[in-house]
C-alpha atoms as a PDB file:
ATOM      1  CA  UNK A   1    -148.359 101.886  80.512  1.00  0.00           C
ATOM      2  CA  UNK A   2    -145.584 101.690  82.718  1.00  0.00           C
ATOM      3  CA  UNK A   3    -143.448  98.788  82.741  1.00  0.00           C
ATOM      4  CA  UNK A   4    -141.147  98.565  85.670  1.00  0.00           C
ATOM      5  CA  UNK A   5    -137.755  97.801  84.127  1.00  0.00           C
ATOM      6  CA  UNK A   6    -133.760  98.600  84.957  1.00  0.00           C
ATOM      7  CA  UNK A   7    -133.818  99.598  81.509  1.00  0.00           C
ATOM      8  CA  UNK A   8    -136.410 101.801  80.208  1.00  0.00           C
ATOM      9  CA  UNK A   9    -139.700 102.670  81.090  1.00  0.00           C
ATOM     10  CA  UNK A  10    -142.937 103.486  79.091  1.00  0.00           C
ATOM     11  CA  UNK A  11    -145.708 105.792  79.861  1.00  0.00           C
ATOM     12  CA  UNK A  12    -149.204 105.471  79.024  1.00  0.00           C
ATOM     13  CA  UNK A  13    -150.769 108.628  76.835  1.00  0.00           C
ATOM     14  CA  UNK A  14    -154.307 108.993  75.623  1.00  0.00           C
ATOM     15  CA  UNK A  15    -155.916 107.203  72.761  1.00  0.00           C
ATOM     16  CA  UNK A  16    -158.651 109.955  71.884  1.00  0.00           C
ATOM     17  CA  UNK A  17    -160.554 108.207  69.030  1.00  0.00           C
ATOM     18  CA  UNK A  18    -158.969 109.666  66.420  1.00  0.00           C
ATOM     19  CA  UNK A  19    -157.160 108.508  63.265  1.00  0.00           C
ATOM     20  CA  UNK A  20    -156.333 110.926  60.784  1.00  0.00           C
ATOM     21  CA  UNK A  21    -159.030 109.928  57.993  1.00  0.00           C
ATOM     22  CA  UNK A  22    -160.722 112.924  57.704  1.00  0.00           C
ATOM     23  CA  UNK A  23    -163.904 110.589  57.850  1.00  0.00           C
ATOM     24  CA  UNK A  24    -164.278 109.514  61.113  1.00  0.00           C
ATOM     25  CA  UNK A  25    -167.168 109.580  63.484  1.00  0.00           C
ATOM     26  CA  UNK A  26    -169.370 112.690  63.053  1.00  0.00           C
ATOM     27  CA  UNK A  27    -167.906 115.513  65.173  1.00  0.00           C
ATOM     28  CA  UNK A  28    -164.957 113.332  66.215  1.00  0.00           C
ATOM     29  CA  UNK A  29    -161.465 114.743  66.462  1.00  0.00           C
ATOM     30  CA  UNK A  30    -158.851 114.377  63.760  1.00  0.00           C
ATOM     31  CA  UNK A  31    -159.053 116.801  60.881  1.00  0.00           C
ATOM     32  CA  UNK A  32    -162.598 116.931  61.709  1.00  0.00           C
ATOM     33  CA  UNK A  33    -164.231 117.206  58.307  1.00  0.00           C
ATOM     34  CA  UNK A  34    -167.688 116.153  59.071  1.00  0.00           C
ATOM     35  CA  UNK A  35    -168.676 112.770  58.225  1.00  0.00           C
ATOM     36  CA  UNK A  36    -170.409 113.139  54.185  1.00  0.00           C
ATOM     37  CA  UNK A  37    -173.851 112.170  53.507  1.00  0.00           C
ATOM     38  CA  UNK A  38    -174.425 109.268  51.265  1.00  0.00           C
ATOM     39  CA  UNK A  39    -175.471 109.914  47.919  1.00  0.00           C
ATOM     40  CA  UNK A  40    -179.284 110.709  47.650  1.00  0.00           C
ATOM     41  CA  UNK A  41    -181.765 107.751  46.962  1.00  0.00           C
ATOM     42  CA  UNK A  42    -183.455 107.679  43.585  1.00  0.00           C
ATOM     43  CA  UNK A  43    -186.519 109.617  43.595  1.00  0.00           C
ATOM     44  CA  UNK A  44    -189.934 107.714  42.072  1.00  0.00           C
ATOM     45  CA  UNK A  45    -190.805 108.092  38.324  1.00  0.00           C
ATOM     46  CA  UNK A  46    -193.516 110.343  39.418  1.00  0.00           C
ATOM     47  CA  UNK A  47    -191.733 112.939  41.608  1.00  0.00           C
ATOM     48  CA  UNK A  48    -187.984 112.340  39.775  1.00  0.00           C
ATOM     49  CA  UNK A  49    -187.901 116.277  39.632  1.00  0.00           C
ATOM     50  CA  UNK A  50    -187.809 116.739  43.316  1.00  0.00           C
ATOM     51  CA  UNK A  51    -184.909 115.926  45.159  1.00  0.00           C
ATOM     52  CA  UNK A  52    -184.950 112.935  47.789  1.00  0.00           C
ATOM     53  CA  UNK A  53    -183.940 113.261  51.189  1.00  0.00           C
ATOM     54  CA  UNK A  54    -180.051 112.241  52.079  1.00  0.00           C
ATOM     55  CA  UNK A  55    -179.953 108.832  54.098  1.00  0.00           C
ATOM     56  CA  UNK A  56    -179.467 109.315  57.719  1.00  0.00           C
ATOM     57  CA  UNK A  57    -176.646 106.536  57.707  1.00  0.00           C
ATOM     58  CA  UNK A  58    -173.640 106.941  56.472  1.00  0.00           C
ATOM     59  CA  UNK A  59    -170.292 104.735  56.656  1.00  0.00           C
ATOM     60  CA  UNK A  60    -166.447 105.396  55.892  1.00  0.00           C
ATOM     61  CA  UNK A  61    -163.155 103.259  55.820  1.00  0.00           C
ATOM     62  CA  UNK A  62    -159.678 104.108  55.499  1.00  0.00           C
ATOM     63  CA  UNK A  63    -156.469 103.325  54.764  1.00  0.00           C
ATOM     64  CA  UNK A  64    -153.843 105.567  56.730  1.00  0.00           C
ATOM     65  CA  UNK A  65    -149.732 105.199  56.834  1.00  0.00           C
ATOM     66  CA  UNK A  66    -150.603 105.111  59.983  1.00  0.00           C
ATOM     67  CA  UNK A  67    -152.806 106.198  63.473  1.00  0.00           C
ATOM     68  CA  UNK A  68    -152.085 109.138  64.792  1.00  0.00           C
ATOM     69  CA  UNK A  69    -154.502 110.469  67.687  1.00  0.00           C
ATOM     70  CA  UNK A  70    -153.826 113.711  69.793  1.00  0.00           C
ATOM     71  CA  UNK A  71    -150.386 113.865  68.702  1.00  0.00           C
ATOM     72  CA  UNK A  72    -149.653 110.347  69.496  1.00  0.00           C
ATOM     73  CA  UNK A  73    -148.307 107.216  67.249  1.00  0.00           C
ATOM     74  CA  UNK A  74    -150.880 104.649  68.140  1.00  0.00           C
ATOM     75  CA  UNK A  75    -149.667 102.004  65.175  1.00  0.00           C
ATOM     76  CA  UNK A  76    -145.883 102.681  65.935  1.00  0.00           C
ATOM     77  CA  UNK A  77    -145.241 103.586  62.846  1.00  0.00           C
ATOM     78  CA  UNK A  78    -147.651 101.188  60.576  1.00  0.00           C
ATOM     79  CA  UNK A  79    -150.352 101.415  58.484  1.00  0.00           C
ATOM     80  CA  UNK A  80    -153.698 101.802  59.605  1.00  0.00           C
ATOM     81  CA  UNK A  81    -157.106 100.160  58.697  1.00  0.00           C
ATOM     82  CA  UNK A  82    -159.891 101.944  59.947  1.00  0.00           C
ATOM     83  CA  UNK A  83    -163.846 102.295  59.577  1.00  0.00           C
ATOM     84  CA  UNK A  84    -167.129 103.626  61.111  1.00  0.00           C
ATOM     85  CA  UNK A  85    -170.639 103.637  60.536  1.00  0.00           C
ATOM     86  CA  UNK A  86    -172.994 106.728  61.473  1.00  0.00           C
ATOM     87  CA  UNK A  87    -176.664 107.534  62.060  1.00  0.00           C
ATOM     88  CA  UNK A  88    -177.868 111.108  62.200  1.00  0.00           C
ATOM     89  CA  UNK A  89    -181.627 111.850  62.888  1.00  0.00           C
ATOM     90  CA  UNK A  90    -182.772 114.855  61.626  1.00  0.00           C
ATOM     91  CA  UNK A  91    -183.923 116.137  65.265  1.00  0.00           C
ATOM     92  CA  UNK A  92    -179.753 116.258  65.771  1.00  0.00           C
ATOM     93  CA  UNK A  93    -179.550 113.236  68.128  1.00  0.00           C
ATOM     94  CA  UNK A  94    -176.798 111.124  66.186  1.00  0.00           C
ATOM     95  CA  UNK A  95    -174.833 107.909  67.433  1.00  0.00           C
ATOM     96  CA  UNK A  96    -172.088 105.992  65.992  1.00  0.00           C
ATOM     97  CA  UNK A  97    -169.489 103.639  66.052  1.00  0.00           C
ATOM     98  CA  UNK A  98    -165.844 103.431  65.145  1.00  0.00           C
ATOM     99  CA  UNK A  99    -162.857 100.811  64.665  1.00  0.00           C
ATOM    100  CA  UNK A 100    -158.727 101.364  64.158  1.00  0.00           C
ATOM    101  CA  UNK A 101    -156.050  98.863  64.328  1.00  0.00           C
ATOM    102  CA  UNK A 102    -153.442  99.657  66.952  1.00  0.00           C
ATOM    103  CA  UNK A 103    -150.263  98.164  67.726  1.00  0.00           C
ATOM    104  CA  UNK A 104    -149.213  96.218  71.262  1.00  0.00           C
ATOM    105  CA  UNK A 105    -145.985  98.291  71.009  1.00  0.00           C
ATOM    106  CA  UNK A 106    -148.215 101.126  72.453  1.00  0.00           C
ATOM    107  CA  UNK A 107    -151.333  98.984  73.942  1.00  0.00           C
ATOM    108  CA  UNK A 108    -150.150  96.453  75.877  1.00  0.00           C
ATOM    109  CA  UNK A 109    -152.640  93.379  74.463  1.00  0.00           C
ATOM    110  CA  UNK A 110    -153.880  95.695  72.069  1.00  0.00           C
ATOM    111  CA  UNK A 111    -154.925  95.395  68.229  1.00  0.00           C
ATOM    112  CA  UNK A 112    -157.975  96.810  68.037  1.00  0.00           C
ATOM    113  CA  UNK A 113    -159.179 100.474  69.203  1.00  0.00           C
ATOM    114  CA  UNK A 114    -163.480 100.474  69.000  1.00  0.00           C
ATOM    115  CA  UNK A 115    -165.216 104.096  69.713  1.00  0.00           C
ATOM    116  CA  UNK A 116    -169.159 103.956  70.417  1.00  0.00           C
ATOM    117  CA  UNK A 117    -170.157 107.429  70.879  1.00  0.00           C
ATOM    118  CA  UNK A 118    -173.394 109.366  70.441  1.00  0.00           C
ATOM    119  CA  UNK A 119    -175.081 113.158  71.477  1.00  0.00           C
ATOM    120  CA  UNK A 120    -176.711 115.668  70.170  1.00  0.00           C
ATOM    121  CA  UNK A 121    -175.901 118.346  67.973  1.00  0.00           C
ATOM    122  CA  UNK A 122    -177.851 121.929  66.897  1.00  0.00           C
ATOM    123  CA  UNK A 123    -177.232 125.911  65.477  1.00  0.00           C
ATOM    124  CA  UNK A 124    -177.806 128.677  66.730  1.00  0.00           C
ATOM    125  CA  UNK A 125    -177.477 131.285  63.934  1.00  0.00           C
ATOM    126  CA  UNK A 126    -173.710 130.949  63.294  1.00  0.00           C
ATOM    127  CA  UNK A 127    -172.974 128.653  65.995  1.00  0.00           C
ATOM    128  CA  UNK A 128    -173.118 125.279  65.656  1.00  0.00           C
ATOM    129  CA  UNK A 129    -172.915 122.935  69.286  1.00  0.00           C
ATOM    130  CA  UNK A 130    -172.753 119.609  69.970  1.00  0.00           C
ATOM    131  CA  UNK A 131    -172.701 117.342  72.962  1.00  0.00           C
ATOM    132  CA  UNK A 132    -171.850 113.336  72.899  1.00  0.00           C
ATOM    133  CA  UNK A 133    -170.816 110.701  75.389  1.00  0.00           C
ATOM    134  CA  UNK A 134    -167.758 108.791  73.958  1.00  0.00           C
ATOM    135  CA  UNK A 135    -166.205 105.087  75.503  1.00  0.00           C
ATOM    136  CA  UNK A 136    -163.143 103.659  74.227  1.00  0.00           C
ATOM    137  CA  UNK A 137    -162.724 100.164  74.462  1.00  0.00           C
ATOM    138  CA  UNK A 138    -159.212  97.744  73.896  1.00  0.00           C
ATOM    139  CA  UNK A 139    -160.804  94.263  73.498  1.00  0.00           C
ATOM    140  CA  UNK A 140    -157.716  92.080  75.126  1.00  0.00           C
ATOM    141  CA  UNK A 141    -155.436  95.239  76.154  1.00  0.00           C
ATOM    142  CA  UNK A 142    -154.384  95.126  80.154  1.00  0.00           C
ATOM    143  CA  UNK A 143    -151.179  96.693  81.896  1.00  0.00           C
ATOM    144  CA  UNK A 144    -150.321  93.217  82.771  1.00  0.00           C
ATOM    145  CA  UNK A 145    -148.412  94.170  85.822  1.00  0.00           C
ATOM    146  CA  UNK A 146    -150.967  96.277  87.056  1.00  0.00           C
ATOM    147  CA  UNK A 147    -154.222  94.236  86.155  1.00  0.00           C
ATOM    148  CA  UNK A 148    -155.528  97.475  84.255  1.00  0.00           C
ATOM    149  CA  UNK A 149    -157.191  98.172  81.917  1.00  0.00           C
ATOM    150  CA  UNK A 150    -157.662 100.641  78.821  1.00  0.00           C
ATOM    151  CA  UNK A 151    -160.923 101.166  78.511  1.00  0.00           C
ATOM    152  CA  UNK A 152    -162.513 104.874  79.128  1.00  0.00           C
ATOM    153  CA  UNK A 153    -164.923 107.493  78.508  1.00  0.00           C
ATOM    154  CA  UNK A 154    -165.269 111.197  77.700  1.00  0.00           C
ATOM    155  CA  UNK A 155    -168.096 113.907  77.972  1.00  0.00           C
ATOM    156  CA  UNK A 156    -167.467 116.402  75.167  1.00  0.00           C
ATOM    157  CA  UNK A 157    -168.646 119.994  74.441  1.00  0.00           C
ATOM    158  CA  UNK A 158    -168.052 121.288  70.991  1.00  0.00           C
ATOM    159  CA  UNK A 159    -168.904 124.889  69.242  1.00  0.00           C
ATOM    160  CA  UNK A 160    -168.357 126.056  66.014  1.00  0.00           C
ATOM    161  CA  UNK A 161    -168.179 129.552  64.835  1.00  0.00           C
ATOM    162  CA  UNK A 162    -167.631 129.454  60.998  1.00  0.00           C
ATOM    163  CA  UNK A 163    -164.158 128.052  60.419  1.00  0.00           C
ATOM    164  CA  UNK A 164    -163.119 127.727  64.021  1.00  0.00           C
ATOM    165  CA  UNK A 165    -164.049 125.134  66.787  1.00  0.00           C
ATOM    166  CA  UNK A 166    -163.342 124.660  70.196  1.00  0.00           C
ATOM    167  CA  UNK A 167    -164.360 121.245  71.860  1.00  0.00           C
ATOM    168  CA  UNK A 168    -163.692 120.033  75.566  1.00  0.00           C
ATOM    169  CA  UNK A 169    -163.225 116.188  76.059  1.00  0.00           C
ATOM    170  CA  UNK A 170    -163.977 115.253  80.069  1.00  0.00           C
ATOM    171  CA  UNK A 171    -162.393 112.023  81.234  1.00  0.00           C
ATOM    172  CA  UNK A 172    -166.050 110.437  83.305  1.00  0.00           C
ATOM    173  CA  UNK A 173    -164.680 107.025  83.894  1.00  0.00           C
ATOM    174  CA  UNK A 174    -162.001 106.449  87.070  1.00  0.00           C
ATOM    175  CA  UNK A 175    -158.986 106.531  84.921  1.00  0.00           C
ATOM    176  CA  UNK A 176    -158.627 108.052  81.141  1.00  0.00           C
ATOM    177  CA  UNK A 177    -156.296 105.389  79.376  1.00  0.00           C
ATOM    178  CA  UNK A 178    -155.285 103.617  82.646  1.00  0.00           C
ATOM    179  CA  UNK A 179    -153.502 106.227  84.215  1.00  0.00           C
ATOM    180  CA  UNK A 180    -153.788 105.397  87.907  1.00  0.00           C
ATOM    181  CA  UNK A 181    -151.021 105.032  91.380  1.00  0.00           C
ATOM    182  CA  UNK A 182    -150.761 101.319  89.985  1.00  0.00           C
ATOM    183  CA  UNK A 183    -149.656 102.191  86.428  1.00  0.00           C
ATOM    184  CA  UNK A 184    -147.299 105.005  86.931  1.00  0.00           C
ATOM    185  CA  UNK A 185    -146.063 104.040  90.066  1.00  0.00           C
ATOM    186  CA  UNK A 186    -146.930 107.535  91.935  1.00  0.00           C
ATOM    187  CA  UNK A 187    -149.023 108.053  95.106  1.00  0.00           C
ATOM    188  CA  UNK A 188    -151.594 105.372  96.520  1.00  0.00           C
ATOM    189  CA  UNK A 189    -155.051 105.176  95.247  1.00  0.00           C
ATOM    190  CA  UNK A 190    -155.026 108.002  92.808  1.00  0.00           C
ATOM    191  CA  UNK A 191    -156.996 108.208  89.770  1.00  0.00           C
ATOM    192  CA  UNK A 192    -157.677 110.152  86.720  1.00  0.00           C
ATOM    193  CA  UNK A 193    -161.080 110.938  86.669  1.00  0.00           C
ATOM    194  CA  UNK A 194    -161.261 114.666  85.746  1.00  0.00           C
ATOM    195  CA  UNK A 195    -158.993 114.834  83.103  1.00  0.00           C
ATOM    196  CA  UNK A 196    -159.767 117.082  80.220  1.00  0.00           C
ATOM    197  CA  UNK A 197    -158.515 117.706  76.512  1.00  0.00           C
ATOM    198  CA  UNK A 198    -158.857 121.577  75.394  1.00  0.00           C
ATOM    199  CA  UNK A 199    -158.939 120.688  71.259  1.00  0.00           C
ATOM    200  CA  UNK A 200    -158.943 123.924  68.918  1.00  0.00           C
ATOM    201  CA  UNK A 201    -159.215 123.823  65.239  1.00  0.00           C
ATOM    202  CA  UNK A 202    -159.447 126.469  62.139  1.00  0.00           C
ATOM    203  CA  UNK A 203    -160.737 124.486  59.390  1.00  0.00           C
ATOM    204  CA  UNK A 204    -160.417 126.706  55.911  1.00  0.00           C
ATOM    205  CA  UNK A 205    -162.387 125.666  52.909  1.00  0.00           C
ATOM    206  CA  UNK A 206    -159.585 126.504  49.526  1.00  0.00           C
ATOM    207  CA  UNK A 207    -161.848 125.911  47.471  1.00  0.00           C
ATOM    208  CA  UNK A 208    -161.779 123.219  44.566  1.00  0.00           C
ATOM    209  CA  UNK A 209    -162.281 120.569  47.046  1.00  0.00           C
ATOM    210  CA  UNK A 210    -159.277 121.098  49.201  1.00  0.00           C
ATOM    211  CA  UNK A 211    -159.429 122.014  52.912  1.00  0.00           C
ATOM    212  CA  UNK A 212    -156.882 123.007  55.396  1.00  0.00           C
ATOM    213  CA  UNK A 213    -156.760 122.210  58.886  1.00  0.00           C
ATOM    214  CA  UNK A 214    -155.096 123.799  61.799  1.00  0.00           C
ATOM    215  CA  UNK A 215    -154.753 122.225  65.457  1.00  0.00           C
ATOM    216  CA  UNK A 216    -153.859 122.163  69.064  1.00  0.00           C
ATOM    217  CA  UNK A 217    -154.593 120.254  71.624  1.00  0.00           C
ATOM    218  CA  UNK A 218    -153.864 120.111  75.248  1.00  0.00           C
ATOM    219  CA  UNK A 219    -154.117 117.768  77.609  1.00  0.00           C
ATOM    220  CA  UNK A 220    -154.371 118.062  81.511  1.00  0.00           C
ATOM    221  CA  UNK A 221    -154.067 114.971  83.528  1.00  0.00           C
ATOM    222  CA  UNK A 222    -155.617 115.368  86.790  1.00  0.00           C
ATOM    223  CA  UNK A 223    -153.319 114.057  89.604  1.00  0.00           C
ATOM    224  CA  UNK A 224    -150.900 112.754  87.393  1.00  0.00           C
ATOM    225  CA  UNK A 225    -149.356 116.614  85.782  1.00  0.00           C
ATOM    226  CA  UNK A 226    -146.240 114.942  84.812  1.00  0.00           C
ATOM    227  CA  UNK A 227    -147.810 113.185  82.126  1.00  0.00           C
ATOM    228  CA  UNK A 228    -149.800 116.384  80.307  1.00  0.00           C
ATOM    229  CA  UNK A 229    -149.166 116.886  77.353  1.00  0.00           C
ATOM    230  CA  UNK A 230    -149.643 119.288  74.241  1.00  0.00           C
ATOM    231  CA  UNK A 231    -149.623 118.411  70.488  1.00  0.00           C
ATOM    232  CA  UNK A 232    -150.487 120.136  66.857  1.00  0.00           C
ATOM    233  CA  UNK A 233    -150.862 119.433  63.210  1.00  0.00           C
ATOM    234  CA  UNK A 234    -151.264 120.855  59.909  1.00  0.00           C
ATOM    235  CA  UNK A 235    -153.492 118.992  57.481  1.00  0.00           C
ATOM    236  CA  UNK A 236    -154.693 119.289  54.078  1.00  0.00           C
ATOM    237  CA  UNK A 237    -157.191 117.140  52.381  1.00  0.00           C
ATOM    238  CA  UNK A 238    -158.621 116.855  48.734  1.00  0.00           C
ATOM    239  CA  UNK A 239    -162.269 115.661  48.209  1.00  0.00           C
ATOM    240  CA  UNK A 240    -163.247 113.858  44.985  1.00  0.00           C
ATOM    241  CA  UNK A 241    -166.267 112.684  43.362  1.00  0.00           C
ATOM    242  CA  UNK A 242    -167.728 109.271  45.068  1.00  0.00           C
ATOM    243  CA  UNK A 243    -167.155 110.107  48.248  1.00  0.00           C
ATOM    244  CA  UNK A 244    -163.145 110.011  47.789  1.00  0.00           C
ATOM    245  CA  UNK A 245    -161.304 111.630  50.192  1.00  0.00           C
ATOM    246  CA  UNK A 246    -157.094 111.686  50.304  1.00  0.00           C
ATOM    247  CA  UNK A 247    -155.287 113.755  52.834  1.00  0.00           C
ATOM    248  CA  UNK A 248    -152.029 114.419  54.409  1.00  0.00           C
ATOM    249  CA  UNK A 249    -150.852 115.872  57.547  1.00  0.00           C
ATOM    250  CA  UNK A 250    -147.863 116.761  60.142  1.00  0.00           C
ATOM    251  CA  UNK A 251    -148.363 116.005  63.432  1.00  0.00           C
ATOM    252  CA  UNK A 252    -146.112 116.822  66.968  1.00  0.00           C
ATOM    253  CA  UNK A 253    -146.479 116.298  70.399  1.00  0.00           C
ATOM    254  CA  UNK A 254    -145.036 117.494  73.331  1.00  0.00           C
ATOM    255  CA  UNK A 255    -144.502 116.004  76.807  1.00  0.00           C
ATOM    256  CA  UNK A 256    -143.119 117.812  80.161  1.00  0.00           C
ATOM    257  CA  UNK A 257    -139.479 117.086  80.688  1.00  0.00           C
ATOM    258  CA  UNK A 258    -139.654 113.885  78.048  1.00  0.00           C
ATOM    259  CA  UNK A 259    -141.538 112.169  79.980  1.00  0.00           C
ATOM    260  CA  UNK A 260    -142.908 109.992  76.471  1.00  0.00           C
ATOM    261  CA  UNK A 261    -139.535 110.152  75.175  1.00  0.00           C
ATOM    262  CA  UNK A 262    -138.699 106.217  76.022  1.00  0.00           C
ATOM    263  CA  UNK A 263    -141.951 104.757  75.762  1.00  0.00           C
ATOM    264  CA  UNK A 264    -142.657 100.860  75.583  1.00  0.00           C
ATOM    265  CA  UNK A 265    -144.896  98.303  76.505  1.00  0.00           C
ATOM    266  CA  UNK A 266    -142.458  95.939  76.692  1.00  0.00           C
ATOM    267  CA  UNK A 267    -143.088  94.400  73.815  1.00  0.00           C
ATOM    268  CA  UNK A 268    -139.256  92.287  72.455  1.00  0.00           C
ATOM    269  CA  UNK A 269    -138.051  93.099  69.364  1.00  0.00           C
ATOM    270  CA  UNK A 270    -136.159  90.333  67.154  1.00  0.00           C
ATOM    271  CA  UNK A 271    -133.219  90.756  69.188  1.00  0.00           C
ATOM    272  CA  UNK A 272    -135.151  90.265  72.540  1.00  0.00           C
ATOM    273  CA  UNK A 273    -134.782  94.087  73.529  1.00  0.00           C
ATOM    274  CA  UNK A 274    -137.859  95.858  74.240  1.00  0.00           C
ATOM    275  CA  UNK A 275    -139.019  98.298  71.454  1.00  0.00           C
ATOM    276  CA  UNK A 276    -138.611 101.703  72.926  1.00  0.00           C
ATOM    277  CA  UNK A 277    -139.789 105.096  71.045  1.00  0.00           C
ATOM    278  CA  UNK A 278    -141.154 108.460  71.008  1.00  0.00           C
ATOM    279  CA  UNK A 279    -144.765 108.428  69.824  1.00  0.00           C
ATOM    280  CA  UNK A 280    -144.517 112.306  69.990  1.00  0.00           C
ATOM    281  CA  UNK A 281    -142.231 112.538  67.284  1.00  0.00           C
ATOM    282  CA  UNK A 282    -142.884 115.035  64.345  1.00  0.00           C
ATOM    283  CA  UNK A 283    -144.960 112.766  62.133  1.00  0.00           C
ATOM    284  CA  UNK A 284    -146.135 112.696  58.282  1.00  0.00           C
ATOM    285  CA  UNK A 285    -149.634 110.860  58.013  1.00  0.00           C
ATOM    286  CA  UNK A 286    -150.655 110.048  54.599  1.00  0.00           C
ATOM    287  CA  UNK A 287    -154.476 108.669  54.184  1.00  0.00           C
ATOM    288  CA  UNK A 288    -157.049 107.707  51.564  1.00  0.00           C
ATOM    289  CA  UNK A 289    -161.103 107.401  52.717  1.00  0.00           C
ATOM    290  CA  UNK A 290    -164.480 106.239  51.102  1.00  0.00           C
ATOM    291  CA  UNK A 291    -167.573 107.230  51.961  1.00  0.00           C
ATOM    292  CA  UNK A 292    -170.689 105.593  51.753  1.00  0.00           C
END
């Protein structure tokens, strides 16, 4: 959030719910490998030869070198602990929740991101389509000088054809991650409802459990175009038996005219100076995920 200071300025970003965990919520961001199904339940002795149905419930836990979403480093270069729980009904309906640690250097007063989501997914030939609703909570976080919460919601439409996926994330709440006139100091009484994120992904099965992701994203911030941004990612994952996945990615974001280059929430370092960084800088992210 914008901190009014004669020394430095900060800028909000988008905290979309997504860490580089490779097991984020079903149909979520990140590398977007779907949540793995839990091991099949044991079959009764009388039907031992028949395959048991997979459980509709899955859970995941991740340790990551840091949390990067849409190119932004939400843990300020520090490690992140993440986890989620999902339910998928055979009809195509699904719901879930996911959490990650975040840094108060990036989200004022924040320590946790908590995502709630639900939707429907189906297929038509080679196409898979999904519609879902997200709501992002940041307990205790607030841009104090503007009395503005970071919480916000997005509606998502997704279409996948073979290796290619396109999503569009549309903000339905009054503000997108707190972007408004009070926090940015632009205009009067303006909000950012209707902001949108175009999310393009190519996922390639390399065999032997390896997967490659190529990603490009473009966020359009409504009424505050100076704060729009783009991001890119190249990621490689390796799946192992037992629900383990190791992943690595290089991410990079671009703001307009360096608007995010000197980001701060005003948190002071040991020298009593406000911590300043560029959260969109090129970043290497490593993670280990266990799916249950």
